[in-house]
Amino acid sequence: MASRLPLLLLLIAVTCLSQFYRVSNSVIAPELTRDLDLTARQLGWAGSAFFFALFAVQIPVGMWFDRFGARRTVAALSLLAMAGSLWIARAADATDLIAGRTIVGIGCAASFMSVVFLCSRWFQPAKLATALSWVFAASNIGTLAAATPLAWVAATAGWRHGFLGLAAVTLLVAVGFLVFVRDRPPEAPAVDIRHETPAEILRGLWEVWRTPGLGPVLSMHFFAYATMLTVLGVWGGPYLYDVHKLDGVARGNVLLAMGAAQILGILAYGPMDRLLRSRKKVVFGGAAISMVLLTIMALLANPPLWLAVALLVAFCFFCAYGTVIVAQGRALFPDRLAGRGVTTVNMAQCLGLAVLPAGTGYIVEAFGAGDTAYRWVFATLAAGLALGSIAYVRARDSATVHG
């Protein structure tokens, strides 16, 4: 385990940064709206820009993983994330904010899939979901940092200074990843890495897309994490501001609780596939409870603050089952296609993360950023989870129950 510690710490660091970048808009949304003169539609697109960028480069990232390894790929892309953070810090309008978040999205495109790619090589298959759950849970330190701490920085030094500091941290993590991370454990047999021809690369991609059972996993993955992050990372802060009139630090405190609930949820879901001997049961259970909570939020008009917070926190806990889907997706592919396989699975999540925040932005704008608007957002997200669950019925159960 000691030999795996530097790997785990740097995987946590790089995913913490990705989490911070992806949810940072939520807590400072009113400040961004004021300083950059944003509409609700532009705020939604700013939330989605990060994920459109993630989606657009997943296929190249998978190829780079298989050819160059995760270490060099993540370190190089992280330099782009640093540049994007600097762009956001100097943003003058919506175009700058969206452009900066797009660059950051490209820079973070390899972060989470590097966890799947590397942990599948450093940990036994039976322990993969648990290992992923620990890294993904710890990565939400970034989510927590983007809540009350970012709200405090925005209130004291200004949100621009926060992104300048984040650019410096991103550079340090990039250097650390390059220096300390290794693509395979030292006890693993040496691998002769052969550079594939363009035709072989395309054949490998075609083989990935023809993998039996891939479609249902992609369908569920499109909605699962994207639904949770649309609430936590995009509209949670505006909802608390528009409906419950909370100031920046108060919003940050609620988002902090939601982020903590997500961490606990990830840890709870991690070993569930081994306990229940089924990944499908875990995913269906999490999706069903999440749909119920979203439906309750959609039906309640102007709920008291304590109830709204309780429902939001509970939702973030129960909607944290995405790690199980990731492990299920990784189990579909042989090691030689691991990079392209896991990034193909991640494309569905990235596309969902791009579509849902932007789409719900139109809803919020159409209904005037009030209680009715957010209730329609919750209802739309519940319907999306229902659609994903219907398609997921045909998924192959790939739980590993030994080891």
Protein backbone atom coordinates (compact mmCIF):
# COMPACT_ATOMS: atom_id res chain seq x y z
CA MET A 1 0.00 0.00 0.00
CA ALA A 2 2.92 2.36 0.72
CA SER A 3 4.04 2.19 -2.92
CA ARG A 4 0.54 3.27 -3.95
CA LEU A 5 0.37 6.27 -1.61
CA PRO A 6 2.03 8.86 -3.91
CA LEU A 7 -0.21 7.70 -6.74
CA LEU A 8 -3.37 8.01 -4.64
CA LEU A 9 -2.41 11.41 -3.22
CA LEU A 10 -1.73 12.89 -6.65
CA LEU A 11 -4.86 11.34 -8.15
CA ILE A 12 -6.79 12.97 -5.32
CA ALA A 13 -5.01 16.29 -5.95
CA VAL A 14 -5.70 16.38 -9.68
CA THR A 15 -9.34 15.36 -9.24
CA CYS A 16 -9.77 17.89 -6.41
CA LEU A 17 -8.81 20.60 -8.87
CA SER A 18 -11.26 19.28 -11.45
CA GLN A 19 -14.04 19.21 -8.86
CA PHE A 20 -13.27 22.76 -7.75
CA TYR A 21 -13.32 24.08 -11.30
CA ARG A 22 -16.55 22.32 -12.23
CA VAL A 23 -18.63 23.52 -9.24
CA SER A 24 -17.03 26.91 -8.54
CA ASN A 25 -19.65 28.83 -10.52
CA SER A 26 -22.48 27.82 -8.20
CA VAL A 27 -21.46 29.54 -4.98
CA ILE A 28 -20.27 32.76 -6.67
CA ALA A 29 -23.02 32.82 -9.32
CA PRO A 30 -24.63 36.06 -8.03
CA GLU A 31 -21.22 37.75 -7.97
CA LEU A 32 -20.39 36.52 -11.49
CA THR A 33 -23.81 37.64 -12.70
CA ARG A 34 -23.27 41.09 -11.23
CA ASP A 35 -19.65 41.64 -12.29
CA LEU A 36 -19.93 40.14 -15.79
CA ASP A 37 -23.57 41.14 -16.45
CA LEU A 38 -24.71 37.54 -17.09
CA THR A 39 -28.18 36.29 -17.94
CA ALA A 40 -29.45 32.95 -16.58
CA ARG A 41 -28.90 31.43 -20.02
CA GLN A 42 -25.28 32.63 -20.09
CA LEU A 43 -24.72 31.31 -16.56
CA GLY A 44 -26.05 27.92 -17.67
CA TRP A 45 -23.77 27.90 -20.71
CA ALA A 46 -20.81 28.85 -18.52
CA GLY A 47 -21.59 25.80 -16.40
CA SER A 48 -21.85 23.61 -19.50
CA ALA A 49 -18.78 24.94 -21.34
CA PHE A 50 -16.45 23.01 -19.04
CA PHE A 51 -18.23 19.76 -19.84
CA PHE A 52 -18.58 20.34 -23.58
CA ALA A 53 -14.79 20.67 -23.60
CA LEU A 54 -14.44 17.47 -21.56
CA PHE A 55 -16.68 15.66 -24.01
CA ALA A 56 -14.94 16.97 -27.12
CA VAL A 57 -11.50 15.62 -26.20
CA GLN A 58 -12.35 12.28 -24.58
CA ILE A 59 -11.45 10.24 -27.67
CA PRO A 60 -8.02 11.91 -28.04
CA VAL A 61 -7.42 11.52 -24.30
CA GLY A 62 -8.11 7.79 -24.56
CA MET A 63 -5.65 7.49 -27.43
CA TRP A 64 -3.03 9.44 -25.48
CA PHE A 65 -3.54 7.20 -22.44
CA ASP A 66 -2.93 4.08 -24.51
CA ARG A 67 0.03 5.57 -26.35
CA PHE A 68 1.77 7.94 -23.92
CA GLY A 69 0.35 6.88 -20.56
CA ALA A 70 -1.77 8.78 -18.04
CA ARG A 71 1.21 10.41 -16.29
CA ARG A 72 2.37 12.53 -19.21
CA THR A 73 -1.15 13.16 -20.52
CA VAL A 74 -2.49 14.53 -17.22
CA ALA A 75 0.60 16.64 -16.54
CA ALA A 76 0.50 18.27 -19.99
CA LEU A 77 -3.23 18.98 -19.95
CA SER A 78 -3.05 20.44 -16.45
CA LEU A 79 -0.99 23.29 -17.86
CA LEU A 80 -4.01 24.19 -19.99
CA ALA A 81 -6.19 24.18 -16.87
CA MET A 82 -3.79 26.68 -15.32
CA ALA A 83 -4.07 28.92 -18.40
CA GLY A 84 -7.87 28.71 -18.28
CA SER A 85 -7.91 29.69 -14.62
CA LEU A 86 -5.85 32.77 -15.44
CA TRP A 87 -8.31 33.63 -18.23
CA ILE A 88 -11.26 33.38 -15.83
CA ALA A 89 -9.46 35.62 -13.34
CA ARG A 90 -9.24 38.32 -16.01
CA ALA A 91 -12.73 37.78 -17.50
CA ALA A 92 -14.56 40.93 -18.61
CA ASP A 93 -17.82 39.42 -19.87
CA ALA A 94 -19.73 36.20 -20.52
CA THR A 95 -17.58 35.35 -23.54
CA ASP A 96 -14.40 35.45 -21.44
CA LEU A 97 -15.95 33.33 -18.70
CA ILE A 98 -17.20 30.70 -21.15
CA ALA A 99 -13.86 30.67 -23.02
CA GLY A 100 -11.90 30.33 -19.78
CA ARG A 101 -14.06 27.48 -18.56
CA THR A 102 -13.72 25.77 -21.94
CA ILE A 103 -9.92 25.86 -21.67
CA VAL A 104 -10.09 24.61 -18.08
CA GLY A 105 -12.39 21.81 -19.24
CA ILE A 106 -9.83 20.64 -21.79
CA GLY A 107 -7.16 20.85 -19.10
CA CYS A 108 -9.19 18.64 -16.75
CA ALA A 109 -10.31 16.20 -19.45
CA ALA A 110 -7.98 13.43 -18.31
CA SER A 111 -8.27 13.87 -14.55
CA PHE A 112 -11.05 11.48 -13.55
CA MET A 113 -10.40 8.88 -16.22
CA SER A 114 -6.76 8.75 -15.12
CA VAL A 115 -8.10 7.47 -11.79
CA VAL A 116 -9.98 4.64 -13.51
CA PHE A 117 -7.09 3.92 -15.90
CA LEU A 118 -4.40 3.83 -13.21
CA CYS A 119 -6.38 2.22 -10.38
CA SER A 120 -7.43 -0.62 -12.69
CA ARG A 121 -3.70 -1.38 -13.06
CA TRP A 122 -2.63 -0.81 -9.46
CA PHE A 123 -5.55 -2.58 -7.70
CA GLN A 124 -7.13 -6.00 -8.05
CA PRO A 125 -10.45 -6.07 -9.99
CA ALA A 126 -12.46 -7.04 -6.90
CA LYS A 127 -11.23 -3.93 -5.10
CA LEU A 128 -11.52 -1.50 -8.01
CA ALA A 129 -14.91 0.01 -7.09
CA THR A 130 -13.78 0.53 -3.49
CA ALA A 131 -10.48 2.12 -4.58
CA LEU A 132 -12.35 4.41 -6.97
CA SER A 133 -14.83 5.35 -4.26
CA TRP A 134 -12.04 6.42 -1.90
CA VAL A 135 -10.27 8.55 -4.51
CA PHE A 136 -13.49 10.07 -5.84
CA ALA A 137 -14.72 10.75 -2.32
CA ALA A 138 -11.47 12.45 -1.34
CA SER A 139 -11.54 14.41 -4.59
CA ASN A 140 -14.60 16.19 -3.26
CA ILE A 141 -12.34 18.18 -1.00
CA GLY A 142 -12.30 20.30 -4.15
CA THR A 143 -16.10 20.52 -4.02
CA LEU A 144 -15.93 21.60 -0.39
CA ALA A 145 -13.22 24.17 -1.15
CA ALA A 146 -15.48 25.64 -3.84
CA ALA A 147 -18.21 26.20 -1.24
CA THR A 148 -17.62 28.23 1.95
CA PRO A 149 -13.87 28.83 1.38
CA LEU A 150 -14.45 30.23 -2.12
CA ALA A 151 -17.37 32.29 -0.84
CA TRP A 152 -15.09 33.72 1.86
CA VAL A 153 -12.32 34.50 -0.67
CA ALA A 154 -14.88 36.14 -2.97
CA ALA A 155 -16.22 38.25 -0.08
CA THR A 156 -12.80 39.32 1.19
CA ALA A 157 -10.31 39.37 -1.70
CA GLY A 158 -12.61 38.92 -4.69
CA TRP A 159 -13.30 35.86 -6.81
CA ARG A 160 -10.65 36.89 -9.35
CA HIS A 161 -7.88 36.48 -6.78
CA GLY A 162 -9.25 33.05 -5.96
CA PHE A 163 -8.71 31.90 -9.55
CA LEU A 164 -5.22 33.41 -9.65
CA GLY A 165 -4.30 31.33 -6.60
CA LEU A 166 -5.92 28.27 -8.14
CA ALA A 167 -3.75 28.65 -11.26
CA ALA A 168 -0.62 28.45 -9.09
CA VAL A 169 -1.89 25.33 -7.31
CA THR A 170 -2.70 23.71 -10.65
CA LEU A 171 0.87 24.24 -11.84
CA LEU A 172 2.27 22.59 -8.70
CA VAL A 173 -0.02 19.57 -9.10
CA ALA A 174 0.97 19.18 -12.76
CA VAL A 175 4.65 19.07 -11.87
CA GLY A 176 4.03 16.63 -9.01
CA PHE A 177 2.02 14.30 -11.25
CA LEU A 178 4.80 14.20 -13.83
CA VAL A 179 7.52 13.55 -11.26
CA PHE A 180 5.91 11.05 -8.90
CA VAL A 181 3.17 9.11 -10.74
CA ARG A 182 3.92 5.87 -12.61
CA ASP A 183 1.62 4.23 -15.15
CA ARG A 184 2.16 0.71 -13.78
CA PRO A 185 3.14 -0.75 -10.41
CA PRO A 186 6.82 -1.74 -10.12
CA GLU A 187 5.95 -5.43 -9.76
CA ALA A 188 3.99 -5.47 -13.03
CA PRO A 189 5.70 -7.16 -16.00
CA ALA A 190 7.32 -4.85 -18.51
CA VAL A 191 5.08 -3.94 -21.41
CA ASP A 192 6.31 -3.42 -24.93
CA ILE A 193 4.43 -0.31 -26.00
CA ARG A 194 3.93 -0.43 -29.76
CA HIS A 195 2.83 2.73 -31.51
CA GLU A 196 -0.38 2.01 -33.37
CA THR A 197 -0.98 3.10 -36.91
CA PRO A 198 -3.98 5.38 -37.58
CA ALA A 199 -5.84 2.39 -38.99
CA GLU A 200 -5.17 0.35 -35.84
CA ILE A 201 -6.33 3.25 -33.66
CA LEU A 202 -9.60 3.44 -35.57
CA ARG A 203 -10.07 -0.35 -35.35
CA GLY A 204 -9.55 -0.14 -31.60
CA LEU A 205 -12.16 2.60 -31.30
CA TRP A 206 -14.58 0.58 -33.42
CA GLU A 207 -13.97 -2.43 -31.17
CA VAL A 208 -14.76 -0.30 -28.12
CA TRP A 209 -18.02 0.98 -29.60
CA ARG A 210 -19.09 -2.54 -30.57
CA THR A 211 -18.57 -3.87 -27.03
CA PRO A 212 -21.68 -5.78 -25.87
CA GLY A 213 -23.50 -4.05 -23.02
CA LEU A 214 -21.93 -0.63 -23.62
CA GLY A 215 -25.13 1.18 -24.69
CA PRO A 216 -27.15 0.75 -21.48
CA VAL A 217 -24.17 1.81 -19.34
CA LEU A 218 -23.73 4.95 -21.46
CA SER A 219 -27.43 5.76 -21.14
CA MET A 220 -27.39 5.67 -17.35
CA HIS A 221 -24.02 7.41 -17.17
CA PHE A 222 -25.39 10.30 -19.22
CA PHE A 223 -27.84 11.23 -16.46
CA ALA A 224 -26.44 9.98 -13.14
CA TYR A 225 -23.59 12.29 -12.16
CA ALA A 226 -24.76 15.09 -14.45
CA THR A 227 -28.04 15.29 -12.55
CA MET A 228 -26.31 15.61 -9.21
CA LEU A 229 -23.79 18.17 -10.43
CA THR A 230 -26.45 20.26 -12.18
CA VAL A 231 -27.97 20.76 -8.72
CA LEU A 232 -24.76 21.03 -6.69
CA GLY A 233 -22.48 22.73 -9.19
CA VAL A 234 -24.78 25.02 -11.19
CA TRP A 235 -28.21 25.78 -9.71
CA GLY A 236 -27.84 25.01 -6.00
CA GLY A 237 -26.32 28.42 -5.24
CA PRO A 238 -28.73 30.44 -7.42
CA TYR A 239 -31.71 28.51 -5.98
CA LEU A 240 -30.65 29.33 -2.43
CA TYR A 241 -30.15 32.97 -3.42
CA ASP A 242 -33.28 33.51 -5.54
CA VAL A 243 -35.75 31.50 -3.45
CA HIS A 244 -34.32 31.61 0.09
CA LYS A 245 -32.32 34.89 -0.11
CA LEU A 246 -29.10 33.48 1.38
CA ASP A 247 -25.91 35.55 1.19
CA GLY A 248 -22.61 34.22 -0.16
CA VAL A 249 -21.26 32.59 3.00
CA ALA A 250 -24.65 31.10 3.92
CA ARG A 251 -24.95 29.64 0.42
CA GLY A 252 -21.43 28.31 0.76
CA ASN A 253 -22.31 26.59 4.03
CA VAL A 254 -25.26 24.78 2.44
CA LEU A 255 -23.20 23.77 -0.60
CA LEU A 256 -20.49 22.60 1.80
CA ALA A 257 -23.02 20.32 3.48
CA MET A 258 -24.18 19.07 0.09
CA GLY A 259 -20.59 18.35 -0.93
CA ALA A 260 -19.93 16.51 2.34
CA ALA A 261 -23.07 14.43 1.75
CA GLN A 262 -21.78 13.52 -1.70
CA ILE A 263 -18.48 12.35 -0.20
CA LEU A 264 -20.29 10.16 2.32
CA GLY A 265 -22.51 8.83 -0.45
CA ILE A 266 -19.53 7.86 -2.62
CA LEU A 267 -17.93 6.04 0.32
CA ALA A 268 -21.20 4.27 1.09
CA TYR A 269 -21.71 3.12 -2.50
CA GLY A 270 -18.10 1.97 -2.95
CA PRO A 271 -18.35 -1.49 -1.33
CA MET A 272 -22.05 -2.01 -2.08
CA ASP A 273 -21.46 -3.98 -5.28
CA ARG A 274 -19.55 -6.62 -3.29
CA LEU A 275 -22.09 -6.65 -0.47
CA LEU A 276 -25.09 -7.01 -2.82
CA ARG A 277 -23.15 -9.01 -5.44
CA SER A 278 -24.65 -6.76 -8.07
CA ARG A 279 -23.79 -3.40 -9.57
CA LYS A 280 -27.19 -3.07 -11.24
CA LYS A 281 -29.03 -3.24 -7.93
CA VAL A 282 -26.83 -0.50 -6.48
CA VAL A 283 -27.35 1.78 -9.47
CA PHE A 284 -31.10 1.20 -9.67
CA GLY A 285 -31.50 1.82 -5.94
CA GLY A 286 -29.55 5.08 -6.05
CA ALA A 287 -31.42 6.29 -9.13
CA ALA A 288 -34.83 5.47 -7.65
CA ILE A 289 -34.21 7.33 -4.39
CA SER A 290 -32.75 10.30 -6.28
CA MET A 291 -35.84 10.47 -8.49
CA VAL A 292 -38.12 10.46 -5.45
CA LEU A 293 -36.20 13.31 -3.80
CA LEU A 294 -36.20 15.40 -6.98
CA THR A 295 -39.93 14.79 -7.41
CA ILE A 296 -40.61 15.97 -3.86
CA MET A 297 -38.58 19.15 -4.52
CA ALA A 298 -40.53 19.68 -7.74
CA LEU A 299 -43.90 19.34 -6.02
CA LEU A 300 -43.20 21.53 -2.98
CA ALA A 301 -43.96 25.22 -3.49
CA ASN A 302 -41.72 27.57 -1.47
CA PRO A 303 -40.58 24.98 1.10
CA PRO A 304 -39.13 26.24 4.38
CA LEU A 305 -35.35 26.61 4.31
CA TRP A 306 -34.68 23.70 6.67
CA LEU A 307 -36.68 21.31 4.48
CA ALA A 308 -35.12 22.55 1.25
CA VAL A 309 -31.64 22.09 2.71
CA ALA A 310 -32.47 18.64 4.04
CA LEU A 311 -33.76 17.52 0.64
CA LEU A 312 -30.75 18.95 -1.20
CA VAL A 313 -28.30 17.28 1.17
CA ALA A 314 -30.12 13.94 1.00
CA PHE A 315 -30.21 14.15 -2.79
CA CYS A 316 -26.43 14.67 -3.00
CA PHE A 317 -25.90 11.61 -0.79
CA PHE A 318 -28.14 9.22 -2.70
CA CYS A 319 -27.19 10.48 -6.18
CA ALA A 320 -23.50 9.64 -5.63
CA TYR A 321 -23.69 6.21 -7.28
CA GLY A 322 -21.82 7.23 -10.43
CA THR A 323 -18.62 5.53 -9.25
CA VAL A 324 -20.34 2.15 -9.48
CA ILE A 325 -21.28 2.84 -13.11
CA VAL A 326 -17.67 3.79 -13.85
CA ALA A 327 -16.43 0.47 -12.43
CA GLN A 328 -19.09 -1.37 -14.40
CA GLY A 329 -17.99 0.37 -17.58
CA ARG A 330 -14.31 -0.38 -17.01
CA ALA A 331 -15.10 -4.09 -16.61
CA LEU A 332 -16.35 -4.19 -20.21
CA PHE A 333 -12.91 -3.67 -21.81
CA PRO A 334 -9.60 -5.55 -21.97
CA ASP A 335 -6.47 -3.79 -20.69
CA ARG A 336 -5.17 -3.01 -24.18
CA LEU A 337 -8.28 -0.88 -24.77
CA ALA A 338 -8.47 0.52 -21.24
CA GLY A 339 -7.70 4.12 -22.20
CA ARG A 340 -10.14 4.31 -25.08
CA GLY A 341 -12.70 2.26 -23.18
CA VAL A 342 -12.89 4.36 -20.02
CA THR A 343 -12.83 7.64 -21.93
CA THR A 344 -15.64 6.40 -24.19
CA VAL A 345 -17.70 5.65 -21.07
CA ASN A 346 -16.78 9.07 -19.72
CA MET A 347 -18.02 10.73 -22.91
CA ALA A 348 -21.58 9.90 -21.91
CA GLN A 349 -21.10 11.56 -18.53
CA CYS A 350 -19.42 14.61 -20.09
CA LEU A 351 -22.20 14.99 -22.63
CA GLY A 352 -24.79 14.83 -19.86
CA LEU A 353 -22.83 17.41 -17.88
CA ALA A 354 -22.80 19.66 -20.92
CA VAL A 355 -26.45 19.28 -21.88
CA LEU A 356 -28.25 19.36 -18.52
CA PRO A 357 -26.84 22.63 -17.07
CA ALA A 358 -27.31 24.49 -20.37
CA GLY A 359 -30.79 23.03 -20.96
CA THR A 360 -31.98 23.85 -17.47
CA GLY A 361 -30.60 27.36 -17.91
CA TYR A 362 -33.28 27.96 -20.53
CA ILE A 363 -35.89 26.75 -18.03
CA VAL A 364 -34.69 29.13 -15.32
CA GLU A 365 -34.65 32.04 -17.75
CA ALA A 366 -38.10 31.20 -19.14
CA PHE A 367 -39.73 31.13 -15.69
CA GLY A 368 -37.89 34.12 -14.24
CA ALA A 369 -35.41 32.61 -11.75
CA GLY A 370 -38.02 32.02 -9.04
CA ASP A 371 -39.46 29.09 -7.13
CA THR A 372 -41.49 27.86 -10.13
CA ALA A 373 -38.41 27.84 -12.37
CA TYR A 374 -36.37 25.68 -10.02
CA ARG A 375 -39.26 23.30 -9.45
CA TRP A 376 -39.37 22.74 -13.20
CA VAL A 377 -35.61 22.13 -13.14
CA PHE A 378 -36.02 19.46 -10.45
CA ALA A 379 -38.88 17.84 -12.39
CA THR A 380 -36.84 17.78 -15.60
CA LEU A 381 -33.88 16.16 -13.86
CA ALA A 382 -36.15 13.51 -12.30
CA ALA A 383 -37.57 12.70 -15.74
CA GLY A 384 -34.04 12.37 -17.11
CA LEU A 385 -33.09 9.85 -14.45
CA ALA A 386 -36.22 7.89 -15.29
CA LEU A 387 -35.22 7.74 -18.96
CA GLY A 388 -31.70 6.63 -18.07
CA SER A 389 -33.04 3.91 -15.79
CA ILE A 390 -35.33 2.56 -18.49
CA ALA A 391 -32.41 2.16 -20.90
CA TYR A 392 -30.20 0.71 -18.14
CA VAL A 393 -32.55 -2.25 -17.64
CA ARG A 394 -30.66 -4.06 -20.42
CA ALA A 395 -27.23 -3.52 -18.83
CA ARG A 396 -25.01 -6.51 -18.08
CA ASP A 397 -24.25 -6.91 -14.37
CA SER A 398 -20.46 -6.98 -13.98
CA ALA A 399 -20.03 -7.07 -10.22
CA THR A 400 -16.92 -8.79 -8.92
CA VAL A 401 -17.74 -10.68 -5.77
CA HIS A 402 -14.43 -12.26 -4.87
CA GLY A 403 -11.14 -10.91 -3.64
